[in-house]
Amino acid sequence: MEQSPDLFKKLKDLGMAIAASSHIEPGLGQLVDIRASQMNGCAACLDMHVKQAKLAGERELRLYHIAIWRESPLFSPKERAALAWTEALTQIAPTGVSDDLYAELREQFSEKELSTLTFRVMGINAANRANVAFRTPPGKYDKEIGLNKAGLA
């Protein structure tokens, strides 16, 4: 942030624009952010997005189950499709995205929603990479953005 404030602001603005989009539900976006952050080992983003989800009313058991979403009965078909898309775009296979996954997504999302979801995955992956690279500690900005109210410290 200190060394490239203009670039950081643009990344932050992109994230805020994606989050403000009304094309996918905010709770679904949080699931995406949490899953990508788990996969990327981004402690700062995982910490932040779990707290944001808790403050937004997400049930704790669902938060615990995000890492095991395939086995968990707690997620809707739409959420499952979004989590599968998140995984496919976070760790892109040499063969790309399968036609079956794309067809599953099209059953759950409109073209506009799918576009927004894709940008959501892209945005969180960019934030994860910056925070992992620069070792941002979890909770560093809690007071600044009100996450200390989540009661998870």
Protein backbone atom coordinates (compact mmCIF):
# COMPACT_ATOMS: atom_id res chain seq x y z
CA MET A 1 0.00 0.00 0.00
CA GLU A 2 2.75 2.41 0.94
CA GLN A 3 4.98 1.71 -2.07
CA SER A 4 2.27 1.71 -4.77
CA PRO A 5 -0.65 3.70 -3.36
CA ASP A 6 -2.17 4.52 -6.77
CA LEU A 7 -2.18 0.88 -7.84
CA PHE A 8 -3.51 -0.24 -4.46
CA LYS A 9 -6.33 2.31 -4.70
CA LYS A 10 -7.29 1.00 -8.15
CA LEU A 11 -7.36 -2.58 -6.85
CA LYS A 12 -9.43 -1.47 -3.86
CA ASP A 13 -11.79 0.49 -6.13
CA LEU A 14 -12.24 -2.57 -8.35
CA GLY A 15 -13.07 -4.69 -5.32
CA MET A 16 -15.57 -2.13 -4.07
CA ALA A 17 -17.21 -1.82 -7.49
CA ILE A 18 -17.59 -5.59 -7.73
CA ALA A 19 -18.98 -5.85 -4.19
CA ALA A 20 -21.43 -3.00 -4.87
CA SER A 21 -22.75 -4.67 -8.00
CA SER A 22 -26.28 -5.90 -7.49
CA HIS A 23 -25.87 -8.73 -10.00
CA ILE A 24 -25.01 -11.36 -7.37
CA GLU A 25 -26.11 -11.58 -3.76
CA PRO A 26 -23.65 -10.16 -1.19
CA GLY A 27 -23.71 -13.40 0.81
CA LEU A 28 -22.75 -15.38 -2.27
CA GLY A 29 -19.87 -12.98 -2.90
CA GLN A 30 -18.62 -13.55 0.64
CA LEU A 31 -18.63 -17.33 0.11
CA VAL A 32 -16.56 -16.83 -3.04
CA ASP A 33 -14.11 -14.53 -1.26
CA ILE A 34 -13.69 -16.96 1.63
CA ARG A 35 -13.18 -20.02 -0.58
CA ALA A 36 -10.59 -18.35 -2.82
CA SER A 37 -8.78 -17.00 0.25
CA GLN A 38 -8.69 -20.49 1.77
CA MET A 39 -7.28 -21.95 -1.43
CA ASN A 40 -4.66 -19.22 -1.75
CA GLY A 41 -3.62 -19.34 1.91
CA CYS A 42 -4.38 -15.65 2.35
CA ALA A 43 -4.73 -15.18 6.10
CA ALA A 44 -5.55 -11.46 5.88
CA CYS A 45 -8.37 -11.91 3.35
CA LEU A 46 -9.77 -15.03 5.00
CA ASP A 47 -9.86 -13.25 8.35
CA MET A 48 -11.53 -10.17 6.86
CA HIS A 49 -14.16 -11.97 4.77
CA VAL A 50 -15.17 -14.37 7.54
CA LYS A 51 -15.72 -11.38 9.82
CA GLN A 52 -17.66 -9.52 7.13
CA ALA A 53 -19.85 -12.57 6.52
CA LYS A 54 -20.50 -12.94 10.25
CA LEU A 55 -21.45 -9.27 10.53
CA ALA A 56 -23.80 -9.70 7.55
CA GLY A 57 -25.59 -12.52 9.36
CA GLU A 58 -23.99 -15.62 7.85
CA ARG A 59 -24.39 -18.69 10.06
CA GLU A 60 -21.21 -19.91 11.69
CA LEU A 61 -21.69 -23.53 10.69
CA ARG A 62 -21.84 -22.53 7.02
CA LEU A 63 -18.60 -20.59 7.47
CA TYR A 64 -16.98 -23.72 8.90
CA HIS A 65 -18.31 -25.79 6.02
CA ILE A 66 -17.03 -23.66 3.14
CA ALA A 67 -13.83 -25.71 2.94
CA ILE A 68 -15.94 -28.88 2.66
CA TRP A 69 -18.78 -27.49 0.57
CA ARG A 70 -18.98 -30.55 -1.69
CA GLU A 71 -19.83 -32.81 1.27
CA SER A 72 -21.95 -30.29 3.16
CA PRO A 73 -25.75 -30.15 2.82
CA LEU A 74 -25.75 -26.46 3.80
CA PHE A 75 -25.29 -24.90 0.36
CA SER A 76 -27.83 -24.31 -2.40
CA PRO A 77 -27.24 -25.43 -6.01
CA LYS A 78 -26.45 -21.80 -6.93
CA GLU A 79 -23.90 -21.50 -4.12
CA ARG A 80 -22.35 -24.84 -5.11
CA ALA A 81 -22.00 -23.68 -8.70
CA ALA A 82 -20.36 -20.43 -7.54
CA LEU A 83 -17.94 -22.30 -5.28
CA ALA A 84 -17.03 -24.70 -8.09
CA TRP A 85 -16.44 -21.72 -10.42
CA THR A 86 -14.29 -20.08 -7.74
CA GLU A 87 -12.14 -23.18 -7.48
CA ALA A 88 -11.88 -23.60 -11.24
CA LEU A 89 -10.74 -20.00 -11.75
CA THR A 90 -8.48 -19.89 -8.70
CA GLN A 91 -6.54 -22.97 -9.78
CA ILE A 92 -7.02 -23.07 -13.53
CA ALA A 93 -6.53 -26.58 -14.89
CA PRO A 94 -4.28 -27.08 -17.93
CA THR A 95 -7.45 -28.02 -19.82
CA GLY A 96 -9.24 -24.81 -18.78
CA VAL A 97 -12.83 -24.73 -17.50
CA SER A 98 -14.90 -27.76 -18.36
CA ASP A 99 -18.00 -27.54 -20.52
CA ASP A 100 -19.92 -29.38 -17.79
CA LEU A 101 -19.06 -26.75 -15.19
CA TYR A 102 -19.98 -23.95 -17.56
CA ALA A 103 -23.32 -25.63 -18.29
CA GLU A 104 -23.95 -26.02 -14.55
CA LEU A 105 -23.23 -22.32 -14.06
CA ARG A 106 -25.58 -21.31 -16.88
CA GLU A 107 -28.39 -23.20 -15.12
CA GLN A 108 -27.89 -21.04 -12.03
CA PHE A 109 -26.68 -17.66 -13.35
CA SER A 110 -27.61 -15.24 -16.10
CA GLU A 111 -24.82 -14.02 -18.40
CA LYS A 112 -24.63 -10.76 -16.42
CA GLU A 113 -24.47 -12.60 -13.09
CA LEU A 114 -21.79 -14.94 -14.44
CA SER A 115 -19.75 -11.98 -15.62
CA THR A 116 -20.00 -10.32 -12.20
CA LEU A 117 -19.16 -13.60 -10.45
CA THR A 118 -16.10 -14.01 -12.66
CA PHE A 119 -14.90 -10.52 -11.82
CA ARG A 120 -15.50 -11.29 -8.13
CA VAL A 121 -13.23 -14.32 -8.37
CA MET A 122 -10.63 -12.32 -10.30
CA GLY A 123 -10.73 -9.52 -7.73
CA ILE A 124 -10.30 -11.72 -4.67
CA ASN A 125 -7.48 -13.63 -6.32
CA ALA A 126 -5.65 -10.36 -7.00
CA ALA A 127 -6.14 -9.22 -3.40
CA ASN A 128 -5.01 -12.64 -2.11
CA ARG A 129 -1.84 -12.48 -4.15
CA ALA A 130 -0.96 -8.99 -2.90
CA ASN A 131 -1.62 -9.86 0.73
CA VAL A 132 0.25 -13.17 0.56
CA ALA A 133 3.20 -11.54 -1.22
CA PHE A 134 3.50 -8.75 1.33
CA ARG A 135 2.51 -10.86 4.36
CA THR A 136 -0.36 -8.68 5.51
CA PRO A 137 -1.25 -9.85 9.03
CA PRO A 138 -4.82 -10.96 9.75
CA GLY A 139 -6.90 -8.30 11.46
CA LYS A 140 -4.56 -5.45 10.57
CA TYR A 141 -7.41 -3.18 9.47
CA ASP A 142 -10.20 -4.45 11.76
CA LYS A 143 -10.74 -1.20 13.66
CA GLU A 144 -10.39 0.92 10.53
CA ILE A 145 -13.17 -0.91 8.68
CA GLY A 146 -15.31 -1.96 11.67
CA LEU A 147 -14.56 -5.68 11.68
CA ASN A 148 -13.74 -5.66 15.38
CA LYS A 149 -17.53 -5.67 15.89
CA ALA A 150 -17.75 -9.25 14.59
CA GLY A 151 -16.80 -10.60 18.00
CA LEU A 152 -14.31 -13.05 16.53
CA ALA A 153 -11.06 -11.66 17.92
